[in-house]
Amino acid sequence: MKKILFIAPIALALMASCGQKKAAEAEAEAQDDAAVANTPAYTVLEKEQVDLTSFPKDADGYYVIFDGKNLGNGWRGYGRDTVPGRWVVEDGAIKFNGSGGGEAQTGDGGDLIFANKLKDFELELEWKVSKGGNSGIFFLAQEVMAKNDQGEEQLQPIYISAPEYQVLDNANHPDAQLGKDGNRQSASLYDMIPAKPQNQNPAGEWNKAKILVYKGTVVHSQNGENVVEYHLWTPQWTELLQNSKFSQEKWPLAFELLNNLGGENHEGYIGLQDHGDDVWYRNIRVKPLGE
């Protein structure tokens, strides 16, 4: 009897602990269910893609996806079939002629994408931005439609389905001082991880960007140095989202899309951002990995 009396409190404690754990798990599941229920319904547009192998390869094995002459092959507007008028070719570079009114403020603006969905790859390009300018490089992007407050189907912004390699004039654009610890400065994972070291060349000068995506690992490089690394589809990635403007509470659709980047196939488009300012991109090349 003494042994039974001695063991009983331990058994009761274990039962209580198990009950608390099950209650916590049930609460977490309920929160997840509620979050899913609050996520707006959406559809992903599936448009015809260009054949990457039809582009020339350079000596390093990269496909050269912009020839420095025209945008007629492989490039189009996000959610469109043609190139928006403000995107032009100038001195061997893709240039966006800024409207000066913030992102996508005019009908002939909008983001630009390369019309081939990529999964694991290395992307290299050079960029420069005007004084006080802002832009960005997207990848694994989807073209997403969802209903607005009036119940009408509307194209959603590219950045709710794609990570952003920030392009910015750190010295003159106020966004460089916002966010946390410089996580909105150039080459940063926008609003999530700051680029360190911050080795940007100033406005009007060319910077070299490289983005590596391989089995969920992503590395941002700027001017020859690796400055950011993170890992998609992990608890750490979800935590980054929850601590950003794309959290489940603030923007449930963005959280859903970014937390499941690239859909089932983990693939998506490369995009260049219209943020209303003059920006240039050149020497754009991509190498698929793991083929």
C-alpha atoms as a PDB file:
ATOM      1  CA  MET A   1       0.000   0.000   0.000  1.00  0.00           C
ATOM      2  CA  LYS A   2       2.832   2.372   0.825  1.00  0.00           C
ATOM      3  CA  LYS A   3       4.251   1.942  -2.671  1.00  0.00           C
ATOM      4  CA  ILE A   4       0.895   2.661  -4.200  1.00  0.00           C
ATOM      5  CA  LEU A   5       0.474   5.786  -2.117  1.00  0.00           C
ATOM      6  CA  PHE A   6       3.976   6.929  -3.130  1.00  0.00           C
ATOM      7  CA  ILE A   7       3.448   6.383  -6.859  1.00  0.00           C
ATOM      8  CA  ALA A   8      -0.002   7.932  -7.064  1.00  0.00           C
ATOM      9  CA  PRO A   9       1.099  11.620  -6.939  1.00  0.00           C
ATOM     10  CA  ILE A  10       3.652  10.996  -9.692  1.00  0.00           C
ATOM     11  CA  ALA A  11       1.022   9.341 -11.852  1.00  0.00           C
ATOM     12  CA  LEU A  12      -1.348  12.232 -11.239  1.00  0.00           C
ATOM     13  CA  ALA A  13       1.372  14.726 -12.204  1.00  0.00           C
ATOM     14  CA  LEU A  14       2.123  12.843 -15.407  1.00  0.00           C
ATOM     15  CA  MET A  15      -1.581  12.722 -16.260  1.00  0.00           C
ATOM     16  CA  ALA A  16      -1.864  16.466 -15.645  1.00  0.00           C
ATOM     17  CA  SER A  17       1.206  17.134 -17.785  1.00  0.00           C
ATOM     18  CA  CYS A  18      -0.176  15.008 -20.614  1.00  0.00           C
ATOM     19  CA  GLY A  19      -3.490  16.811 -20.343  1.00  0.00           C
ATOM     20  CA  GLN A  20      -1.795  20.219 -20.558  1.00  0.00           C
ATOM     21  CA  LYS A  21       0.243  19.100 -23.577  1.00  0.00           C
ATOM     22  CA  LYS A  22      -2.852  17.823 -25.361  1.00  0.00           C
ATOM     23  CA  ALA A  23      -4.686  21.050 -24.556  1.00  0.00           C
ATOM     24  CA  ALA A  24      -1.799  23.114 -25.942  1.00  0.00           C
ATOM     25  CA  GLU A  25      -1.676  20.988 -29.087  1.00  0.00           C
ATOM     26  CA  ALA A  26      -5.420  21.312 -29.501  1.00  0.00           C
ATOM     27  CA  GLU A  27      -5.190  25.093 -29.094  1.00  0.00           C
ATOM     28  CA  ALA A  28      -2.377  25.290 -31.683  1.00  0.00           C
ATOM     29  CA  GLU A  29      -4.400  23.189 -34.133  1.00  0.00           C
ATOM     30  CA  ALA A  30      -7.424  25.411 -33.543  1.00  0.00           C
ATOM     31  CA  GLN A  31      -5.300  28.500 -34.263  1.00  0.00           C
ATOM     32  CA  ASP A  32      -3.966  26.918 -37.447  1.00  0.00           C
ATOM     33  CA  ASP A  33      -7.495  25.998 -38.534  1.00  0.00           C
ATOM     34  CA  ALA A  34      -8.670  29.546 -37.824  1.00  0.00           C
ATOM     35  CA  ALA A  35      -5.756  30.994 -39.801  1.00  0.00           C
ATOM     36  CA  VAL A  36      -6.553  28.762 -42.773  1.00  0.00           C
ATOM     37  CA  ALA A  37     -10.201  29.762 -42.541  1.00  0.00           C
ATOM     38  CA  ASN A  38      -9.228  33.453 -42.571  1.00  0.00           C
ATOM     39  CA  THR A  39      -6.899  33.090 -45.576  1.00  0.00           C
ATOM     40  CA  PRO A  40      -8.664  34.470 -48.667  1.00  0.00           C
ATOM     41  CA  ALA A  41      -9.282  32.059 -51.515  1.00  0.00           C
ATOM     42  CA  TYR A  42      -6.913  32.563 -54.427  1.00  0.00           C
ATOM     43  CA  THR A  43      -5.963  31.125 -57.798  1.00  0.00           C
ATOM     44  CA  VAL A  44      -2.592  30.988 -59.539  1.00  0.00           C
ATOM     45  CA  LEU A  45      -2.489  31.977 -63.190  1.00  0.00           C
ATOM     46  CA  GLU A  46      -0.793  29.450 -65.439  1.00  0.00           C
ATOM     47  CA  LYS A  47       0.533  31.136 -68.554  1.00  0.00           C
ATOM     48  CA  GLU A  48       2.660  29.734 -71.356  1.00  0.00           C
ATOM     49  CA  GLN A  49       6.356  29.602 -70.529  1.00  0.00           C
ATOM     50  CA  VAL A  50       9.366  30.151 -72.735  1.00  0.00           C
ATOM     51  CA  ASP A  51      11.891  27.379 -73.323  1.00  0.00           C
ATOM     52  CA  LEU A  52      15.000  28.228 -71.307  1.00  0.00           C
ATOM     53  CA  THR A  53      17.142  25.965 -73.496  1.00  0.00           C
ATOM     54  CA  SER A  54      16.369  28.173 -76.484  1.00  0.00           C
ATOM     55  CA  PHE A  55      18.559  30.918 -74.968  1.00  0.00           C
ATOM     56  CA  PRO A  56      22.319  31.033 -75.592  1.00  0.00           C
ATOM     57  CA  LYS A  57      24.727  29.592 -73.025  1.00  0.00           C
ATOM     58  CA  ASP A  58      27.910  31.383 -72.056  1.00  0.00           C
ATOM     59  CA  ALA A  59      31.300  29.812 -71.285  1.00  0.00           C
ATOM     60  CA  ASP A  60      30.336  29.379 -67.601  1.00  0.00           C
ATOM     61  CA  GLY A  61      27.240  27.341 -68.416  1.00  0.00           C
ATOM     62  CA  TYR A  62      24.736  30.115 -67.694  1.00  0.00           C
ATOM     63  CA  TYR A  63      21.798  30.885 -69.962  1.00  0.00           C
ATOM     64  CA  VAL A  64      21.926  34.526 -71.049  1.00  0.00           C
ATOM     65  CA  ILE A  65      18.282  35.608 -70.697  1.00  0.00           C
ATOM     66  CA  PHE A  66      18.696  39.232 -71.792  1.00  0.00           C
ATOM     67  CA  ASP A  67      20.708  40.027 -74.908  1.00  0.00           C
ATOM     68  CA  GLY A  68      21.125  43.739 -74.214  1.00  0.00           C
ATOM     69  CA  LYS A  69      19.043  44.631 -77.252  1.00  0.00           C
ATOM     70  CA  ASN A  70      15.352  43.877 -76.753  1.00  0.00           C
ATOM     71  CA  LEU A  71      12.758  42.507 -74.321  1.00  0.00           C
ATOM     72  CA  GLY A  72      10.748  40.667 -76.921  1.00  0.00           C
ATOM     73  CA  ASN A  73      12.103  37.238 -76.047  1.00  0.00           C
ATOM     74  CA  GLY A  74      11.125  35.780 -72.698  1.00  0.00           C
ATOM     75  CA  TRP A  75      10.106  38.907 -70.823  1.00  0.00           C
ATOM     76  CA  ARG A  76       6.609  40.208 -70.076  1.00  0.00           C
ATOM     77  CA  GLY A  77       4.719  42.144 -67.474  1.00  0.00           C
ATOM     78  CA  TYR A  78       3.612  40.454 -64.259  1.00  0.00           C
ATOM     79  CA  GLY A  79       0.073  39.239 -64.919  1.00  0.00           C
ATOM     80  CA  ARG A  80       0.298  40.421 -68.529  1.00  0.00           C
ATOM     81  CA  ASP A  81       1.142  39.071 -71.963  1.00  0.00           C
ATOM     82  CA  THR A  82       3.240  42.051 -73.050  1.00  0.00           C
ATOM     83  CA  VAL A  83       6.008  44.265 -71.653  1.00  0.00           C
ATOM     84  CA  PRO A  84       4.720  47.437 -69.898  1.00  0.00           C
ATOM     85  CA  GLY A  85       5.737  50.589 -71.753  1.00  0.00           C
ATOM     86  CA  ARG A  86       7.916  52.046 -69.010  1.00  0.00           C
ATOM     87  CA  TRP A  87      10.338  49.110 -69.302  1.00  0.00           C
ATOM     88  CA  VAL A  88      12.780  49.866 -72.128  1.00  0.00           C
ATOM     89  CA  VAL A  89      16.264  48.942 -73.292  1.00  0.00           C
ATOM     90  CA  GLU A  90      18.924  51.621 -72.843  1.00  0.00           C
ATOM     91  CA  ASP A  91      22.668  51.242 -73.453  1.00  0.00           C
ATOM     92  CA  GLY A  92      22.531  47.446 -73.203  1.00  0.00           C
ATOM     93  CA  ALA A  93      20.460  47.437 -70.006  1.00  0.00           C
ATOM     94  CA  ILE A  94      16.828  46.955 -69.070  1.00  0.00           C
ATOM     95  CA  LYS A  95      15.654  50.308 -67.704  1.00  0.00           C
ATOM     96  CA  PHE A  96      12.499  51.230 -65.866  1.00  0.00           C
ATOM     97  CA  ASN A  97      11.507  54.831 -66.527  1.00  0.00           C
ATOM     98  CA  GLY A  98      10.190  55.900 -63.157  1.00  0.00           C
ATOM     99  CA  SER A  99       6.864  57.628 -62.683  1.00  0.00           C
ATOM    100  CA  GLY A 100       8.024  59.253 -59.450  1.00  0.00           C
ATOM    101  CA  GLY A 101       4.790  58.231 -57.746  1.00  0.00           C
ATOM    102  CA  GLY A 102       5.649  55.024 -55.934  1.00  0.00           C
ATOM    103  CA  GLU A 103       5.241  51.464 -57.123  1.00  0.00           C
ATOM    104  CA  ALA A 104       3.099  50.645 -60.168  1.00  0.00           C
ATOM    105  CA  GLN A 105       1.314  54.013 -60.175  1.00  0.00           C
ATOM    106  CA  THR A 106       0.657  54.183 -63.915  1.00  0.00           C
ATOM    107  CA  GLY A 107      -1.006  51.912 -66.437  1.00  0.00           C
ATOM    108  CA  ASP A 108       2.166  51.572 -68.486  1.00  0.00           C
ATOM    109  CA  GLY A 109       4.162  50.458 -65.424  1.00  0.00           C
ATOM    110  CA  GLY A 110       4.138  47.282 -63.364  1.00  0.00           C
ATOM    111  CA  ASP A 111       6.641  44.574 -62.532  1.00  0.00           C
ATOM    112  CA  LEU A 112       8.599  42.658 -65.167  1.00  0.00           C
ATOM    113  CA  ILE A 113       9.110  38.870 -65.137  1.00  0.00           C
ATOM    114  CA  PHE A 114      11.105  36.315 -67.091  1.00  0.00           C
ATOM    115  CA  ALA A 115       8.497  33.843 -68.308  1.00  0.00           C
ATOM    116  CA  ASN A 116      10.074  30.569 -67.203  1.00  0.00           C
ATOM    117  CA  LYS A 117       9.501  29.015 -63.792  1.00  0.00           C
ATOM    118  CA  LEU A 118      12.731  27.976 -62.104  1.00  0.00           C
ATOM    119  CA  LYS A 119      13.329  25.773 -59.066  1.00  0.00           C
ATOM    120  CA  ASP A 120      17.020  25.392 -58.118  1.00  0.00           C
ATOM    121  CA  PHE A 121      19.311  27.909 -59.808  1.00  0.00           C
ATOM    122  CA  GLU A 122      21.980  30.579 -59.686  1.00  0.00           C
ATOM    123  CA  LEU A 123      20.953  34.015 -60.933  1.00  0.00           C
ATOM    124  CA  GLU A 124      23.512  36.716 -61.681  1.00  0.00           C
ATOM    125  CA  LEU A 125      22.918  40.278 -62.841  1.00  0.00           C
ATOM    126  CA  GLU A 126      24.064  43.836 -62.366  1.00  0.00           C
ATOM    127  CA  TRP A 127      21.909  46.742 -61.229  1.00  0.00           C
ATOM    128  CA  LYS A 128      22.107  50.444 -60.559  1.00  0.00           C
ATOM    129  CA  VAL A 129      19.492  52.805 -59.222  1.00  0.00           C
ATOM    130  CA  SER A 130      18.832  56.527 -59.419  1.00  0.00           C
ATOM    131  CA  LYS A 131      19.392  58.819 -56.428  1.00  0.00           C
ATOM    132  CA  GLY A 132      16.769  57.951 -53.818  1.00  0.00           C
ATOM    133  CA  GLY A 133      15.650  55.006 -55.950  1.00  0.00           C
ATOM    134  CA  ASN A 134      13.951  51.767 -54.911  1.00  0.00           C
ATOM    135  CA  SER A 135      13.390  48.453 -56.721  1.00  0.00           C
ATOM    136  CA  GLY A 136      13.785  44.743 -56.045  1.00  0.00           C
ATOM    137  CA  ILE A 137      14.587  41.325 -57.504  1.00  0.00           C
ATOM    138  CA  PHE A 138      11.983  38.606 -56.926  1.00  0.00           C
ATOM    139  CA  PHE A 139      12.214  34.840 -57.368  1.00  0.00           C
ATOM    140  CA  LEU A 140       9.912  31.816 -57.030  1.00  0.00           C
ATOM    141  CA  ALA A 141       7.082  34.241 -57.829  1.00  0.00           C
ATOM    142  CA  GLN A 142       3.550  33.219 -58.765  1.00  0.00           C
ATOM    143  CA  GLU A 143       0.866  35.251 -60.544  1.00  0.00           C
ATOM    144  CA  VAL A 144      -1.926  35.245 -57.977  1.00  0.00           C
ATOM    145  CA  MET A 145      -5.559  36.307 -58.258  1.00  0.00           C
ATOM    146  CA  ALA A 146      -7.803  36.891 -55.226  1.00  0.00           C
ATOM    147  CA  LYS A 147     -10.991  38.800 -54.485  1.00  0.00           C
ATOM    148  CA  ASN A 148     -10.806  42.372 -53.222  1.00  0.00           C
ATOM    149  CA  ASP A 149     -13.124  43.923 -50.627  1.00  0.00           C
ATOM    150  CA  GLN A 150     -15.769  44.392 -53.305  1.00  0.00           C
ATOM    151  CA  GLY A 151     -15.686  40.694 -54.182  1.00  0.00           C
ATOM    152  CA  GLU A 152     -13.949  41.266 -57.532  1.00  0.00           C
ATOM    153  CA  GLU A 153     -11.056  39.085 -58.754  1.00  0.00           C
ATOM    154  CA  GLN A 154      -7.875  41.145 -58.694  1.00  0.00           C
ATOM    155  CA  LEU A 155      -4.214  40.494 -59.481  1.00  0.00           C
ATOM    156  CA  GLN A 156      -2.239  40.497 -56.227  1.00  0.00           C
ATOM    157  CA  PRO A 157       1.187  42.167 -55.883  1.00  0.00           C
ATOM    158  CA  ILE A 158       4.140  39.977 -56.795  1.00  0.00           C
ATOM    159  CA  TYR A 159       5.832  40.398 -53.410  1.00  0.00           C
ATOM    160  CA  ILE A 160       3.188  38.401 -51.519  1.00  0.00           C
ATOM    161  CA  SER A 161       4.345  35.224 -53.262  1.00  0.00           C
ATOM    162  CA  ALA A 162       8.087  35.826 -53.676  1.00  0.00           C
ATOM    163  CA  PRO A 163      11.117  36.647 -51.526  1.00  0.00           C
ATOM    164  CA  GLU A 164      12.686  39.990 -52.410  1.00  0.00           C
ATOM    165  CA  TYR A 165      16.360  40.815 -52.825  1.00  0.00           C
ATOM    166  CA  GLN A 166      16.184  44.514 -52.041  1.00  0.00           C
ATOM    167  CA  VAL A 167      17.496  47.078 -54.531  1.00  0.00           C
ATOM    168  CA  LEU A 168      17.821  50.502 -52.939  1.00  0.00           C
ATOM    169  CA  ASP A 169      19.848  53.689 -52.689  1.00  0.00           C
ATOM    170  CA  ASN A 170      20.751  53.214 -49.036  1.00  0.00           C
ATOM    171  CA  ALA A 171      22.092  56.742 -48.628  1.00  0.00           C
ATOM    172  CA  ASN A 172      19.038  58.616 -49.881  1.00  0.00           C
ATOM    173  CA  HIS A 173      15.912  56.455 -49.660  1.00  0.00           C
ATOM    174  CA  PRO A 174      14.078  56.532 -46.276  1.00  0.00           C
ATOM    175  CA  ASP A 175      13.312  52.802 -46.441  1.00  0.00           C
ATOM    176  CA  ALA A 176      16.968  52.190 -45.568  1.00  0.00           C
ATOM    177  CA  GLN A 177      16.230  53.469 -42.052  1.00  0.00           C
ATOM    178  CA  LEU A 178      13.007  51.513 -41.589  1.00  0.00           C
ATOM    179  CA  GLY A 179      12.464  47.865 -40.723  1.00  0.00           C
ATOM    180  CA  LYS A 180      14.906  46.339 -38.221  1.00  0.00           C
ATOM    181  CA  ASP A 181      18.703  46.437 -38.157  1.00  0.00           C
ATOM    182  CA  GLY A 182      18.937  47.516 -41.798  1.00  0.00           C
ATOM    183  CA  ASN A 183      16.786  44.698 -43.193  1.00  0.00           C
ATOM    184  CA  ARG A 184      15.394  46.974 -45.893  1.00  0.00           C
ATOM    185  CA  GLN A 185      18.772  48.000 -47.285  1.00  0.00           C
ATOM    186  CA  SER A 186      20.186  46.690 -50.565  1.00  0.00           C
ATOM    187  CA  ALA A 187      20.744  42.926 -50.954  1.00  0.00           C
ATOM    188  CA  SER A 188      18.742  42.247 -47.771  1.00  0.00           C
ATOM    189  CA  LEU A 189      15.916  39.727 -47.677  1.00  0.00           C
ATOM    190  CA  TYR A 190      13.367  42.516 -47.583  1.00  0.00           C
ATOM    191  CA  ASP A 191      11.952  43.194 -44.119  1.00  0.00           C
ATOM    192  CA  MET A 192      13.429  39.973 -42.726  1.00  0.00           C
ATOM    193  CA  ILE A 193      17.254  39.627 -42.820  1.00  0.00           C
ATOM    194  CA  PRO A 194      19.761  42.489 -43.234  1.00  0.00           C
ATOM    195  CA  ALA A 195      22.648  42.158 -45.667  1.00  0.00           C
ATOM    196  CA  LYS A 196      25.942  42.004 -43.754  1.00  0.00           C
ATOM    197  CA  PRO A 197      28.428  43.316 -44.574  1.00  0.00           C
ATOM    198  CA  GLN A 198      26.624  46.153 -46.325  1.00  0.00           C
ATOM    199  CA  ASN A 199      28.936  46.759 -49.280  1.00  0.00           C
ATOM    200  CA  GLN A 200      26.704  48.613 -51.723  1.00  0.00           C
ATOM    201  CA  ASN A 201      28.070  50.920 -54.381  1.00  0.00           C
ATOM    202  CA  PRO A 202      26.235  54.285 -54.334  1.00  0.00           C
ATOM    203  CA  ALA A 203      23.428  55.495 -56.574  1.00  0.00           C
ATOM    204  CA  GLY A 204      24.402  55.721 -60.228  1.00  0.00           C
ATOM    205  CA  GLU A 205      27.071  53.007 -59.931  1.00  0.00           C
ATOM    206  CA  TRP A 206      26.683  49.356 -60.909  1.00  0.00           C
ATOM    207  CA  ASN A 207      26.300  46.653 -58.270  1.00  0.00           C
ATOM    208  CA  LYS A 208      26.621  42.920 -58.902  1.00  0.00           C
ATOM    209  CA  ALA A 209      23.918  40.686 -57.459  1.00  0.00           C
ATOM    210  CA  LYS A 210      23.867  36.907 -57.193  1.00  0.00           C
ATOM    211  CA  ILE A 211      21.053  34.747 -55.834  1.00  0.00           C
ATOM    212  CA  LEU A 212      21.553  31.038 -55.181  1.00  0.00           C
ATOM    213  CA  VAL A 213      18.503  28.815 -54.604  1.00  0.00           C
ATOM    214  CA  TYR A 214      19.184  25.137 -53.966  1.00  0.00           C
ATOM    215  CA  LYS A 215      16.893  22.690 -52.140  1.00  0.00           C
ATOM    216  CA  GLY A 216      15.544  25.436 -49.928  1.00  0.00           C
ATOM    217  CA  THR A 217      18.845  27.142 -49.120  1.00  0.00           C
ATOM    218  CA  VAL A 218      19.036  30.709 -50.423  1.00  0.00           C
ATOM    219  CA  VAL A 219      22.147  32.919 -50.486  1.00  0.00           C
ATOM    220  CA  HIS A 220      22.244  36.597 -51.478  1.00  0.00           C
ATOM    221  CA  SER A 221      25.566  37.981 -52.703  1.00  0.00           C
ATOM    222  CA  GLN A 222      26.427  41.615 -53.343  1.00  0.00           C
ATOM    223  CA  ASN A 223      29.556  42.783 -55.144  1.00  0.00           C
ATOM    224  CA  GLY A 224      31.299  39.456 -54.695  1.00  0.00           C
ATOM    225  CA  GLU A 225      30.464  38.821 -51.009  1.00  0.00           C
ATOM    226  CA  ASN A 226      27.807  36.529 -49.522  1.00  0.00           C
ATOM    227  CA  VAL A 227      25.692  38.794 -47.321  1.00  0.00           C
ATOM    228  CA  VAL A 228      22.512  36.813 -46.488  1.00  0.00           C
ATOM    229  CA  GLU A 229      21.644  33.116 -46.045  1.00  0.00           C
ATOM    230  CA  TYR A 230      18.329  31.507 -45.112  1.00  0.00           C
ATOM    231  CA  HIS A 231      16.400  28.264 -45.519  1.00  0.00           C
ATOM    232  CA  LEU A 232      12.940  28.027 -47.037  1.00  0.00           C
ATOM    233  CA  TRP A 233      10.161  25.682 -45.906  1.00  0.00           C
ATOM    234  CA  THR A 234      11.563  25.385 -42.371  1.00  0.00           C
ATOM    235  CA  PRO A 235      10.313  26.488 -38.922  1.00  0.00           C
ATOM    236  CA  GLN A 236      12.936  29.231 -39.051  1.00  0.00           C
ATOM    237  CA  TRP A 237      11.459  30.527 -42.324  1.00  0.00           C
ATOM    238  CA  THR A 238       7.976  30.568 -40.796  1.00  0.00           C
ATOM    239  CA  GLU A 239       9.333  32.494 -37.811  1.00  0.00           C
ATOM    240  CA  LEU A 240      10.915  35.080 -40.121  1.00  0.00           C
ATOM    241  CA  LEU A 241       7.556  35.585 -41.812  1.00  0.00           C
ATOM    242  CA  GLN A 242       5.747  35.883 -38.492  1.00  0.00           C
ATOM    243  CA  ASN A 243       8.122  38.674 -37.439  1.00  0.00           C
ATOM    244  CA  SER A 244       7.677  40.617 -40.696  1.00  0.00           C
ATOM    245  CA  LYS A 245       4.967  42.616 -42.437  1.00  0.00           C
ATOM    246  CA  PHE A 246       3.868  39.301 -44.003  1.00  0.00           C
ATOM    247  CA  SER A 247       2.794  37.645 -40.731  1.00  0.00           C
ATOM    248  CA  GLN A 248      -0.255  35.437 -40.432  1.00  0.00           C
ATOM    249  CA  GLU A 249      -2.067  38.135 -38.458  1.00  0.00           C
ATOM    250  CA  LYS A 250      -1.142  41.120 -40.634  1.00  0.00           C
ATOM    251  CA  TRP A 251      -1.422  39.573 -44.096  1.00  0.00           C
ATOM    252  CA  PRO A 252      -2.811  36.010 -44.079  1.00  0.00           C
ATOM    253  CA  LEU A 253      -2.699  35.528 -47.852  1.00  0.00           C
ATOM    254  CA  ALA A 254       0.932  36.649 -48.064  1.00  0.00           C
ATOM    255  CA  PHE A 255       1.819  34.377 -45.139  1.00  0.00           C
ATOM    256  CA  GLU A 256       0.136  31.407 -46.812  1.00  0.00           C
ATOM    257  CA  LEU A 257       1.873  31.968 -50.149  1.00  0.00           C
ATOM    258  CA  LEU A 258       5.324  32.783 -48.754  1.00  0.00           C
ATOM    259  CA  ASN A 259       5.213  29.934 -46.264  1.00  0.00           C
ATOM    260  CA  ASN A 260       4.563  27.533 -49.167  1.00  0.00           C
ATOM    261  CA  LEU A 261       6.820  29.161 -51.732  1.00  0.00           C
ATOM    262  CA  GLY A 262       6.545  27.943 -55.284  1.00  0.00           C
ATOM    263  CA  GLY A 263       3.582  25.670 -54.575  1.00  0.00           C
ATOM    264  CA  GLU A 264       3.909  21.903 -54.833  1.00  0.00           C
ATOM    265  CA  ASN A 265       6.784  22.104 -57.315  1.00  0.00           C
ATOM    266  CA  HIS A 266       8.734  24.782 -55.387  1.00  0.00           C
ATOM    267  CA  GLU A 267       9.298  26.782 -58.565  1.00  0.00           C
ATOM    268  CA  GLY A 268       8.432  30.252 -59.814  1.00  0.00           C
ATOM    269  CA  TYR A 269       9.349  33.307 -61.854  1.00  0.00           C
ATOM    270  CA  ILE A 270      12.206  35.796 -61.586  1.00  0.00           C
ATOM    271  CA  GLY A 271      10.860  39.346 -61.391  1.00  0.00           C
ATOM    272  CA  LEU A 272      12.115  42.957 -61.447  1.00  0.00           C
ATOM    273  CA  GLN A 273      10.174  45.538 -59.484  1.00  0.00           C
ATOM    274  CA  ASP A 274       8.538  48.760 -60.585  1.00  0.00           C
ATOM    275  CA  HIS A 275       8.708  50.916 -57.457  1.00  0.00           C
ATOM    276  CA  GLY A 276       8.242  54.155 -59.360  1.00  0.00           C
ATOM    277  CA  ASP A 277      11.951  55.042 -59.640  1.00  0.00           C
ATOM    278  CA  ASP A 278      14.536  54.828 -62.412  1.00  0.00           C
ATOM    279  CA  VAL A 279      16.485  51.554 -62.213  1.00  0.00           C
ATOM    280  CA  TRP A 280      18.698  49.605 -64.613  1.00  0.00           C
ATOM    281  CA  TYR A 281      19.512  45.871 -64.923  1.00  0.00           C
ATOM    282  CA  ARG A 282      22.026  44.216 -67.249  1.00  0.00           C
ATOM    283  CA  ASN A 283      24.159  41.089 -67.834  1.00  0.00           C
ATOM    284  CA  ILE A 284      21.315  38.858 -66.642  1.00  0.00           C
ATOM    285  CA  ARG A 285      22.111  35.164 -66.691  1.00  0.00           C
ATOM    286  CA  VAL A 286      20.791  32.052 -64.941  1.00  0.00           C
ATOM    287  CA  LYS A 287      22.067  28.511 -64.385  1.00  0.00           C
ATOM    288  CA  PRO A 288      19.586  25.764 -63.400  1.00  0.00           C
ATOM    289  CA  LEU A 289      21.043  23.453 -60.725  1.00  0.00           C
ATOM    290  CA  GLY A 290      20.548  19.754 -60.140  1.00  0.00           C
ATOM    291  CA  GLU A 291      19.594  18.916 -63.719  1.00  0.00           C
END
